[in-house]
Amino acid sequence: MDRRRQPGCGDRNLYAGTGGPRNDRRRRQPCRSRSVAFTRRAADGEVAPLGWGRSLLFASGDFACNLYWQSISFYLLFFYTDTLDMSAAAAGLIVMAASIWDGVVGLLIGIAADRRGARAFVRLYAIPLALAFVLLYLPVPIQGAWLIALALVANMLFRTFYVAVNVPYAALTIDVAPDSLSRSRIAGLRMILGGAAALVVATGTEASIDWVGQTGYTDWGYAVVGMALAIVASVLLFAVGGMRTPVSAAAPQRGAVRLRGIAAAIAGNRAFLAINLGICGAAAAMGVITRAVPYYFKYQVGDVAAGSTALAGMAIAGVVAVPLWMACAARFGHRRQWQASALVAIVSMVLLLVARPAEAASAQWLCALFYMGGQGLFFGFWALLPDVVQHGGPEGSPRMDVFLFGIAALLQKVTQGIAVALFGTLLSASGYVARTVQPEGVLDQLILLTGMLPLIGMGLAWLAMLGFPHLRLTPR
């Protein structure tokens, strides 16, 4: 056995805080140097750890994807209700249906990408994704059932191309980054750049809409912003898709995906189940809060611009928090870092429900605190998932990297879609009417939905990590 892959030989980052071999004296092996665990000889057909430059280039793909994702998270539901005059319930159901479609398509994309290679998908679907994104925000002059049908088709089209790019891109981490240290670095950079994309979307959207409004084409503001974001995202995705992917000569071959192989890859993999259960709770919570913020600031605080500032502040808080969560994970392990992140988000929602802030600054700080905690959970998830996928299955089970990433995406998208649909349905049931002064009872329901649904999701995320088992380092 290669000493460099033995547990305890410098793989502290992978096991830290999980109760793994770092705490087991019988399995600990001496190392001459910590760097030995993360260095591979070219003579063996292997590759060295990913440097900061290539890590940053690869992580820029997450900036591109988040230009799309943060836009639909922050503004699409609000665009439907307050620009297209669609009911909140109908808008929420559209998001739920599109999310379920997104997840199902992700599995099919996973099967295809595992056969053809993930890198080709990133470049192949970058332009169709850009066009579908702009279609989402077109201010079509129709109403009623035809508007709902068109919005649903546009959502499903966008989600199809998005998952065809995003899932293969995420799964490429396993091949691009040869070790746990590189993967953790990439996860941190992805979260930072994803937060930067959220900041660009939050600050640029409202300003651009105001600028377009001065020309007399107010309803076209979101579409113009969409065009600009799509151009930037397409350029970055082409660059990432053109990266050379170092593959170890010892890497196992990927075969056809069969039901028995799927069961073998997942059966007994409690780590995969635990982190996916936890991230589903976090995804539902983040999905609700980002959509609730424009409503909360417009009707409870009485300042629409402050809502955009809150979204920008959340993005900044997420960027600032990720290096802190990276340091926390390195010092205390991913399990403790995960639960600390969830606890920060939980505290923020408890304070929002108790204080019910009607002053912009207080509400913005609570939203930023929540987002800091949420970003910590997503950092932990993306840092652990490649190791869980690669090492979590039984020895000898087939490699289905993109497919398993697709399952993770399916679970998150479905959960988030259901949560957003629930938010929209309950908001409509409360008596909400767009662009009117909301009665006291409706405001009470809005505040309750804004705080309680994310609180439940983050509580689930905290509990899920209690079931996270020891990871194994035996490659499949």
Protein backbone atom coordinates (compact mmCIF):
# COMPACT_ATOMS: atom_id res chain seq x y z
CA MET A 1 0.00 0.00 0.00
CA ASP A 2 1.22 3.48 -0.82
CA ARG A 3 2.14 5.15 2.48
CA ARG A 4 1.07 8.52 1.12
CA ARG A 5 -2.57 7.39 0.98
CA GLN A 6 -2.64 5.80 4.43
CA PRO A 7 -4.97 7.47 6.94
CA GLY A 8 -3.20 9.75 9.34
CA CYS A 9 -0.42 10.55 6.90
CA GLY A 10 -1.21 14.23 6.51
CA ASP A 11 -4.88 13.92 5.54
CA ARG A 12 -5.93 15.92 8.53
CA ASN A 13 -8.12 18.25 6.47
CA LEU A 14 -10.30 15.36 5.28
CA TYR A 15 -10.79 13.77 8.68
CA ALA A 16 -10.66 16.81 10.95
CA GLY A 17 -13.62 16.93 13.27
CA THR A 18 -15.25 13.73 11.96
CA GLY A 19 -13.90 11.40 14.60
CA GLY A 20 -11.82 9.69 11.92
CA PRO A 21 -8.31 8.24 11.91
CA ARG A 22 -6.75 11.41 13.30
CA ASN A 23 -8.02 10.35 16.70
CA ASP A 24 -7.19 6.62 16.30
CA ARG A 25 -3.67 5.82 17.53
CA ARG A 26 -3.73 2.33 16.08
CA ARG A 27 -4.23 3.64 12.53
CA ARG A 28 -1.92 6.62 12.70
CA GLN A 29 1.18 6.34 10.50
CA PRO A 30 4.35 8.43 10.74
CA CYS A 31 5.04 11.02 8.03
CA ARG A 32 8.28 12.71 7.15
CA SER A 33 6.40 15.78 5.91
CA ARG A 34 2.82 16.95 5.84
CA SER A 35 3.22 17.84 2.16
CA VAL A 36 3.91 14.18 1.30
CA ALA A 37 0.22 13.36 1.61
CA PHE A 38 -0.66 15.85 -1.10
CA THR A 39 2.19 15.30 -3.58
CA ARG A 40 2.00 12.75 -6.39
CA ARG A 41 4.86 11.67 -8.64
CA ALA A 42 4.60 12.29 -12.36
CA ALA A 43 6.51 9.01 -12.84
CA ASP A 44 3.52 7.17 -11.37
CA GLY A 45 1.21 8.82 -13.91
CA GLU A 46 -0.25 11.06 -11.22
CA VAL A 47 -0.56 14.80 -10.77
CA ALA A 48 0.50 17.42 -8.26
CA PRO A 49 -1.98 19.39 -6.13
CA LEU A 50 -3.81 22.17 -7.92
CA GLY A 51 -2.13 25.56 -7.55
CA TRP A 52 -3.90 28.78 -6.58
CA GLY A 53 -3.97 30.10 -10.15
CA ARG A 54 -5.71 27.10 -11.68
CA SER A 55 -7.91 26.78 -8.61
CA LEU A 56 -9.06 30.37 -9.12
CA LEU A 57 -9.70 29.78 -12.83
CA PHE A 58 -11.76 26.69 -12.10
CA ALA A 59 -13.66 28.44 -9.30
CA SER A 60 -14.58 31.28 -11.68
CA GLY A 61 -17.10 28.86 -13.14
CA ASP A 62 -19.05 29.24 -9.92
CA PHE A 63 -19.03 33.02 -10.38
CA ALA A 64 -20.58 32.48 -13.81
CA CYS A 65 -23.20 30.02 -12.58
CA ASN A 66 -24.11 32.26 -9.66
CA LEU A 67 -24.73 35.23 -11.93
CA TYR A 68 -27.64 33.14 -13.18
CA TRP A 69 -28.64 31.44 -9.95
CA GLN A 70 -28.52 34.46 -7.66
CA SER A 71 -30.58 36.47 -10.14
CA ILE A 72 -33.44 33.98 -10.18
CA SER A 73 -33.11 33.50 -6.41
CA PHE A 74 -33.28 37.22 -5.62
CA TYR A 75 -35.60 38.58 -8.27
CA LEU A 76 -37.53 36.08 -10.39
CA LEU A 77 -40.41 35.49 -7.97
CA PHE A 78 -40.63 39.24 -7.33
CA PHE A 79 -40.52 39.88 -11.10
CA TYR A 80 -43.46 37.54 -11.59
CA THR A 81 -45.65 39.12 -8.92
CA ASP A 82 -44.72 42.80 -9.13
CA THR A 83 -43.91 43.20 -12.85
CA LEU A 84 -46.02 40.57 -14.61
CA ASP A 85 -48.86 40.78 -12.05
CA MET A 86 -48.87 37.03 -11.45
CA SER A 87 -50.27 35.72 -8.16
CA ALA A 88 -47.69 34.70 -5.53
CA ALA A 89 -49.18 31.19 -5.36
CA ALA A 90 -48.89 30.67 -9.13
CA ALA A 91 -45.35 32.05 -9.17
CA GLY A 92 -44.33 29.77 -6.30
CA LEU A 93 -45.81 26.71 -8.01
CA ILE A 94 -43.91 27.55 -11.20
CA VAL A 95 -40.66 27.66 -9.24
CA MET A 96 -41.46 24.34 -7.56
CA ALA A 97 -42.33 22.60 -10.83
CA ALA A 98 -39.18 23.95 -12.50
CA SER A 99 -37.06 22.85 -9.55
CA ILE A 100 -38.38 19.29 -9.71
CA TRP A 101 -37.78 19.25 -13.46
CA ASP A 102 -34.29 20.60 -12.81
CA GLY A 103 -33.48 17.72 -10.48
CA VAL A 104 -34.84 14.99 -12.74
CA VAL A 105 -32.96 16.35 -15.75
CA GLY A 106 -29.85 16.48 -13.58
CA LEU A 107 -29.90 12.70 -13.23
CA LEU A 108 -30.15 12.24 -17.00
CA ILE A 109 -27.35 14.75 -17.53
CA GLY A 110 -25.28 12.85 -14.98
CA ILE A 111 -25.64 9.60 -16.90
CA ALA A 112 -24.76 11.26 -20.21
CA ALA A 113 -21.83 13.25 -18.79
CA ASP A 114 -20.34 10.19 -17.07
CA ARG A 115 -20.22 8.53 -20.49
CA ARG A 116 -19.05 11.47 -22.61
CA GLY A 117 -17.04 13.45 -20.07
CA ALA A 118 -18.18 16.38 -17.95
CA ARG A 119 -15.91 19.01 -19.51
CA ALA A 120 -17.61 18.88 -22.93
CA PHE A 121 -20.99 19.69 -21.42
CA VAL A 122 -19.79 22.96 -19.86
CA ARG A 123 -18.85 24.47 -23.23
CA LEU A 124 -21.58 22.82 -25.28
CA TYR A 125 -24.47 24.30 -23.32
CA ALA A 126 -23.02 27.67 -22.23
CA ILE A 127 -24.66 29.66 -25.07
CA PRO A 128 -28.08 27.93 -24.90
CA LEU A 129 -28.04 28.63 -21.17
CA ALA A 130 -27.42 32.34 -21.78
CA LEU A 131 -30.32 32.59 -24.24
CA ALA A 132 -32.70 30.72 -21.94
CA PHE A 133 -31.79 33.01 -19.06
CA VAL A 134 -32.72 36.15 -21.00
CA LEU A 135 -36.01 34.51 -22.01
CA LEU A 136 -36.97 34.26 -18.32
CA TYR A 137 -37.18 38.04 -17.94
CA LEU A 138 -38.92 39.03 -21.16
CA PRO A 139 -41.96 41.25 -20.30
CA VAL A 140 -44.43 39.42 -22.54
CA PRO A 141 -47.77 41.25 -23.12
CA ILE A 142 -50.03 38.35 -22.07
CA GLN A 143 -51.96 37.48 -18.93
CA GLY A 144 -53.73 34.62 -17.21
CA ALA A 145 -53.16 30.96 -18.06
CA TRP A 146 -51.05 31.76 -21.13
CA LEU A 147 -48.64 33.82 -19.02
CA ILE A 148 -48.32 31.02 -16.45
CA ALA A 149 -47.74 28.43 -19.18
CA LEU A 150 -45.08 30.54 -20.90
CA ALA A 151 -43.32 31.28 -17.62
CA LEU A 152 -43.29 27.56 -16.78
CA VAL A 153 -41.85 26.58 -20.17
CA ALA A 154 -39.19 29.30 -19.93
CA ASN A 155 -38.26 28.11 -16.42
CA MET A 156 -37.98 24.48 -17.49
CA LEU A 157 -35.88 25.42 -20.51
CA PHE A 158 -33.53 27.51 -18.40
CA ARG A 159 -33.25 24.82 -15.72
CA THR A 160 -32.44 22.17 -18.34
CA PHE A 161 -29.48 24.10 -19.72
CA TYR A 162 -28.40 25.28 -16.28
CA VAL A 163 -28.12 21.78 -14.89
CA ALA A 164 -26.41 20.63 -18.11
CA VAL A 165 -23.63 23.11 -17.29
CA ASN A 166 -23.61 23.31 -13.50
CA VAL A 167 -23.72 19.64 -12.47
CA PRO A 168 -20.89 18.51 -14.79
CA TYR A 169 -18.89 21.59 -13.74
CA ALA A 170 -19.26 20.71 -10.04
CA ALA A 171 -18.37 17.06 -10.64
CA LEU A 172 -15.18 18.10 -12.47
CA THR A 173 -13.75 18.94 -9.03
CA ILE A 174 -12.94 15.26 -8.54
CA ASP A 175 -10.77 15.10 -11.68
CA VAL A 176 -9.37 18.64 -11.60
CA ALA A 177 -8.39 18.55 -7.90
CA PRO A 178 -6.37 15.41 -7.03
CA ASP A 179 -6.59 15.60 -3.22
CA SER A 180 -8.63 16.81 -0.27
CA LEU A 181 -6.51 19.92 0.29
CA SER A 182 -7.03 21.13 -3.29
CA ARG A 183 -10.75 20.37 -3.08
CA SER A 184 -11.17 22.33 0.12
CA ARG A 185 -9.30 25.26 -1.45
CA ILE A 186 -11.53 25.13 -4.53
CA ALA A 187 -14.65 24.94 -2.35
CA GLY A 188 -13.59 28.07 -0.50
CA LEU A 189 -12.78 29.97 -3.69
CA ARG A 190 -16.07 28.86 -5.25
CA MET A 191 -18.01 30.18 -2.28
CA ILE A 192 -16.12 33.49 -2.33
CA LEU A 193 -16.68 33.98 -6.05
CA GLY A 194 -20.28 32.83 -5.73
CA GLY A 195 -20.78 35.48 -3.08
CA ALA A 196 -19.10 38.04 -5.32
CA ALA A 197 -21.56 37.12 -8.07
CA ALA A 198 -24.43 37.60 -5.64
CA LEU A 199 -23.03 41.05 -4.82
CA VAL A 200 -22.84 41.96 -8.51
CA VAL A 201 -26.43 40.81 -9.06
CA ALA A 202 -27.80 42.54 -5.98
CA THR A 203 -26.12 45.89 -6.62
CA GLY A 204 -26.30 45.92 -10.39
CA THR A 205 -29.88 44.79 -10.93
CA GLU A 206 -31.69 47.61 -9.16
CA ALA A 207 -29.34 50.27 -10.54
CA SER A 208 -29.73 48.96 -14.08
CA ILE A 209 -33.51 48.77 -13.76
CA ASP A 210 -33.58 52.42 -12.65
CA TRP A 211 -31.40 53.40 -15.60
CA VAL A 212 -33.58 51.51 -18.10
CA GLY A 213 -36.67 53.03 -16.48
CA GLN A 214 -35.43 56.50 -17.33
CA THR A 215 -35.65 55.58 -21.01
CA GLY A 216 -39.35 54.78 -20.69
CA TYR A 217 -38.95 50.99 -20.99
CA THR A 218 -39.38 50.16 -17.30
CA ASP A 219 -40.57 46.59 -17.80
CA TRP A 220 -37.46 45.76 -19.84
CA GLY A 221 -35.06 46.43 -16.95
CA TYR A 222 -34.69 42.80 -15.86
CA ALA A 223 -34.21 41.62 -19.45
CA VAL A 224 -31.41 44.13 -20.06
CA VAL A 225 -29.66 43.04 -16.86
CA GLY A 226 -30.09 39.41 -17.94
CA MET A 227 -28.34 40.07 -21.24
CA ALA A 228 -25.33 41.65 -19.51
CA LEU A 229 -25.02 38.83 -16.96
CA ALA A 230 -25.36 36.18 -19.67
CA ILE A 231 -22.48 37.62 -21.71
CA VAL A 232 -20.09 37.63 -18.75
CA ALA A 233 -21.13 34.15 -17.64
CA SER A 234 -20.69 32.66 -21.12
CA VAL A 235 -17.12 33.95 -21.46
CA LEU A 236 -16.12 32.47 -18.09
CA LEU A 237 -17.77 29.12 -18.74
CA PHE A 238 -15.96 28.77 -22.06
CA ALA A 239 -12.66 29.45 -20.28
CA VAL A 240 -13.37 26.88 -17.56
CA GLY A 241 -14.58 24.33 -20.09
CA GLY A 242 -11.28 24.70 -21.93
CA MET A 243 -9.16 23.77 -18.90
CA ARG A 244 -7.06 20.66 -19.21
CA THR A 245 -8.21 18.00 -16.80
CA PRO A 246 -5.34 16.04 -15.22
CA VAL A 247 -6.40 12.42 -14.76
CA SER A 248 -4.34 9.93 -12.79
CA ALA A 249 -3.26 6.83 -14.67
CA ALA A 250 -4.55 4.87 -11.72
CA ALA A 251 -7.99 6.39 -11.94
CA PRO A 252 -10.70 3.71 -12.23
CA GLN A 253 -12.67 3.46 -15.42
CA ARG A 254 -16.25 4.71 -15.51
CA GLY A 255 -18.75 2.21 -16.82
CA ALA A 256 -22.38 2.33 -17.82
CA VAL A 257 -24.74 3.37 -15.05
CA ARG A 258 -27.03 0.53 -13.96
CA LEU A 259 -29.52 0.29 -11.13
CA ARG A 260 -27.36 -2.24 -9.30
CA GLY A 261 -24.35 0.04 -9.65
CA ILE A 262 -26.31 3.00 -8.29
CA ALA A 263 -27.36 0.98 -5.26
CA ALA A 264 -23.78 -0.18 -4.73
CA ALA A 265 -22.46 3.37 -4.89
CA ILE A 266 -24.96 4.74 -2.37
CA ALA A 267 -25.79 1.78 -0.11
CA GLY A 268 -24.23 2.20 3.31
CA ASN A 269 -22.81 5.61 2.41
CA ARG A 270 -24.10 7.43 5.48
CA ALA A 271 -21.79 10.36 4.79
CA PHE A 272 -23.49 11.01 1.45
CA LEU A 273 -26.93 10.76 3.03
CA ALA A 274 -26.03 12.97 6.00
CA ILE A 275 -24.55 15.88 4.07
CA ASN A 276 -27.37 15.80 1.51
CA LEU A 277 -30.05 15.81 4.20
CA GLY A 278 -28.33 18.76 5.85
CA ILE A 279 -27.78 20.75 2.68
CA CYS A 280 -31.40 20.22 1.64
CA GLY A 281 -32.48 21.96 4.85
CA ALA A 282 -30.02 24.77 4.18
CA ALA A 283 -31.06 25.09 0.51
CA ALA A 284 -34.73 25.36 1.50
CA ALA A 285 -33.88 28.01 4.09
CA MET A 286 -31.70 30.04 1.71
CA GLY A 287 -34.28 29.76 -1.05
CA VAL A 288 -37.02 31.19 1.15
CA ILE A 289 -35.00 34.02 2.70
CA THR A 290 -33.64 35.35 -0.60
CA ARG A 291 -37.14 35.49 -2.03
CA ALA A 292 -38.67 36.92 1.13
CA VAL A 293 -36.23 39.82 1.47
CA PRO A 294 -37.76 42.04 -1.29
CA TYR A 295 -41.23 41.56 0.22
CA TYR A 296 -40.05 42.15 3.79
CA PHE A 297 -38.29 45.41 2.97
CA LYS A 298 -41.00 46.71 0.70
CA TYR A 299 -43.90 46.11 3.08
CA GLN A 300 -42.47 45.82 6.62
CA VAL A 301 -39.57 48.27 6.36
CA GLY A 302 -41.18 50.41 3.65
CA ASP A 303 -38.01 50.83 1.60
CA VAL A 304 -37.54 48.87 -1.63
CA ALA A 305 -34.00 50.18 -2.17
CA ALA A 306 -33.06 48.97 1.32
CA GLY A 307 -34.08 45.50 0.21
CA SER A 308 -31.56 45.56 -2.63
CA THR A 309 -28.98 46.88 -0.17
CA ALA A 310 -29.82 43.97 2.12
CA LEU A 311 -29.25 41.49 -0.69
CA ALA A 312 -25.92 43.16 -1.49
CA GLY A 313 -24.99 43.09 2.19
CA MET A 314 -25.83 39.39 2.33
CA ALA A 315 -23.51 38.77 -0.60
CA ILE A 316 -20.69 40.75 1.02
CA ALA A 317 -21.21 38.93 4.31
CA GLY A 318 -21.01 35.61 2.48
CA VAL A 319 -17.72 36.55 0.84
CA VAL A 320 -16.21 37.76 4.11
CA ALA A 321 -17.44 34.71 6.02
CA VAL A 322 -16.00 32.01 3.75
CA PRO A 323 -12.31 32.51 4.70
CA LEU A 324 -13.40 32.42 8.35
CA TRP A 325 -15.26 29.15 7.80
CA MET A 326 -12.24 27.76 5.93
CA ALA A 327 -10.03 28.56 8.91
CA CYS A 328 -12.62 27.10 11.27
CA ALA A 329 -12.75 23.85 9.27
CA ALA A 330 -8.95 23.61 9.20
CA ARG A 331 -8.76 24.08 12.96
CA PHE A 332 -11.81 22.21 14.25
CA GLY A 333 -12.95 20.03 11.35
CA HIS A 334 -15.85 20.23 8.94
CA ARG A 335 -18.40 18.76 11.35
CA ARG A 336 -17.95 21.48 13.95
CA GLN A 337 -17.63 24.15 11.27
CA TRP A 338 -20.90 22.95 9.71
CA GLN A 339 -22.80 23.05 13.00
CA ALA A 340 -21.36 26.44 13.94
CA SER A 341 -22.53 27.80 10.59
CA ALA A 342 -26.04 26.45 11.10
CA LEU A 343 -26.13 27.90 14.61
CA VAL A 344 -25.27 31.39 13.33
CA ALA A 345 -28.15 31.23 10.85
CA ILE A 346 -30.55 29.90 13.50
CA VAL A 347 -29.74 32.72 15.90
CA SER A 348 -30.35 35.35 13.20
CA MET A 349 -33.84 34.02 12.42
CA VAL A 350 -34.77 33.77 16.10
CA LEU A 351 -33.79 37.43 16.50
CA LEU A 352 -35.82 38.42 13.42
CA LEU A 353 -38.94 36.66 14.74
CA VAL A 354 -38.56 38.20 18.19
CA ALA A 355 -37.51 41.73 17.22
CA ARG A 356 -39.51 42.06 13.97
CA PRO A 357 -37.26 44.97 12.86
CA ALA A 358 -38.97 47.72 10.89
CA GLU A 359 -35.76 49.76 10.67
CA ALA A 360 -33.64 49.03 7.62
CA ALA A 361 -30.21 48.71 9.24
CA SER A 362 -31.31 46.18 11.87
CA ALA A 363 -33.08 44.00 9.32
CA GLN A 364 -30.09 44.18 6.98
CA TRP A 365 -27.70 43.04 9.72
CA LEU A 366 -29.88 40.06 10.57
CA CYS A 367 -30.11 39.07 6.89
CA ALA A 368 -26.33 39.36 6.56
CA LEU A 369 -25.80 37.23 9.67
CA PHE A 370 -28.11 34.57 8.28
CA TYR A 371 -26.29 34.52 4.96
CA MET A 372 -22.94 34.15 6.71
CA GLY A 373 -24.20 31.00 8.36
CA GLY A 374 -25.75 29.68 5.15
CA GLN A 375 -22.57 30.17 3.15
CA GLY A 376 -20.68 28.21 5.78
CA LEU A 377 -22.96 25.23 5.21
CA PHE A 378 -22.50 25.35 1.45
CA PHE A 379 -18.73 25.64 1.86
CA GLY A 380 -18.75 22.55 4.08
CA PHE A 381 -20.94 20.67 1.63
CA TRP A 382 -18.81 21.37 -1.44
CA ALA A 383 -15.59 20.67 0.46
CA LEU A 384 -16.85 17.27 1.63
CA LEU A 385 -18.92 16.08 -1.34
CA PRO A 386 -16.04 15.13 -3.70
CA ASP A 387 -14.42 13.01 -0.97
CA VAL A 388 -17.77 11.49 -0.01
CA VAL A 389 -18.52 10.60 -3.65
CA GLN A 390 -15.05 9.24 -4.36
CA HIS A 391 -14.41 7.34 -1.15
CA GLY A 392 -17.82 6.77 0.38
CA GLY A 393 -19.02 3.78 -1.63
CA PRO A 394 -18.02 0.14 -1.18
CA GLU A 395 -14.59 -0.82 -2.47
CA GLY A 396 -14.77 -1.74 -6.14
CA SER A 397 -18.09 0.04 -6.77
CA PRO A 398 -18.28 1.89 -10.12
CA ARG A 399 -17.36 5.54 -10.50
CA MET A 400 -20.46 7.64 -11.21
CA ASP A 401 -19.20 11.05 -10.18
CA VAL A 402 -21.49 13.29 -12.26
CA PHE A 403 -24.49 11.07 -11.58
CA LEU A 404 -24.02 11.30 -7.80
CA PHE A 405 -23.52 15.05 -8.06
CA GLY A 406 -26.75 15.05 -10.05
CA ILE A 407 -28.53 13.24 -7.22
CA ALA A 408 -27.25 15.87 -4.79
CA ALA A 409 -28.52 18.61 -7.12
CA LEU A 410 -31.88 16.86 -7.48
CA LEU A 411 -32.42 16.69 -3.73
CA GLN A 412 -31.50 20.35 -3.25
CA LYS A 413 -33.57 21.65 -6.14
CA VAL A 414 -36.67 19.68 -5.22
CA THR A 415 -36.43 20.69 -1.57
CA GLN A 416 -35.87 24.33 -2.42
CA GLY A 417 -38.67 24.32 -4.98
CA ILE A 418 -41.11 22.91 -2.45
CA ALA A 419 -40.03 25.47 0.14
CA VAL A 420 -40.46 28.40 -2.29
CA ALA A 421 -43.84 27.06 -3.41
CA LEU A 422 -44.90 26.76 0.22
CA PHE A 423 -43.79 30.34 0.86
CA GLY A 424 -45.73 31.63 -2.15
CA THR A 425 -48.84 29.61 -1.31
CA LEU A 426 -48.91 30.68 2.32
CA LEU A 427 -48.23 34.29 1.33
CA SER A 428 -51.22 34.25 -1.02
CA ALA A 429 -53.36 32.54 1.62
CA SER A 430 -52.50 35.34 4.07
CA GLY A 431 -54.31 37.84 1.82
CA TYR A 432 -51.26 39.39 0.17
CA VAL A 433 -52.04 41.69 -2.77
CA ALA A 434 -49.11 43.09 -4.76
CA ARG A 435 -48.41 46.85 -4.83
CA THR A 436 -50.87 47.70 -2.05
CA VAL A 437 -50.49 48.57 1.63
CA GLN A 438 -50.62 45.27 3.47
CA PRO A 439 -52.97 44.94 6.49
CA GLU A 440 -51.45 44.16 9.89
CA GLY A 441 -52.45 40.51 9.72
CA VAL A 442 -50.76 40.06 6.36
CA LEU A 443 -47.58 41.68 7.67
CA ASP A 444 -47.62 39.32 10.65
CA GLN A 445 -47.84 36.35 8.32
CA LEU A 446 -45.10 37.74 6.09
CA ILE A 447 -42.72 38.14 9.04
CA LEU A 448 -43.58 34.66 10.33
CA LEU A 449 -42.92 33.07 6.93
CA THR A 450 -39.69 35.03 6.48
CA GLY A 451 -38.28 33.82 9.78
CA MET A 452 -39.89 30.47 10.61
CA LEU A 453 -39.37 28.56 7.35
CA PRO A 454 -35.61 29.31 7.23
CA LEU A 455 -35.36 28.53 10.95
CA ILE A 456 -36.80 25.05 10.41
CA GLY A 457 -34.48 24.40 7.47
CA MET A 458 -31.35 25.41 9.38
CA GLY A 459 -32.40 23.32 12.36
CA LEU A 460 -32.55 20.29 10.07
CA ALA A 461 -29.11 21.16 8.69
CA TRP A 462 -27.65 21.25 12.22
CA LEU A 463 -29.19 17.92 13.19
CA ALA A 464 -28.09 16.13 10.02
CA MET A 465 -24.39 16.48 10.81
CA LEU A 466 -24.90 14.44 13.98
CA GLY A 467 -25.16 11.40 11.71
CA PHE A 468 -22.01 12.14 9.69
CA PRO A 469 -19.74 9.06 9.97
CA HIS A 470 -16.01 8.50 9.62
CA LEU A 471 -14.73 8.85 6.07
CA ARG A 472 -12.53 6.23 4.50
CA LEU A 473 -9.58 6.90 2.27
CA THR A 474 -9.64 3.67 0.24
CA PRO A 475 -10.08 4.76 -3.38
CA ARG A 476 -12.67 2.85 -5.41
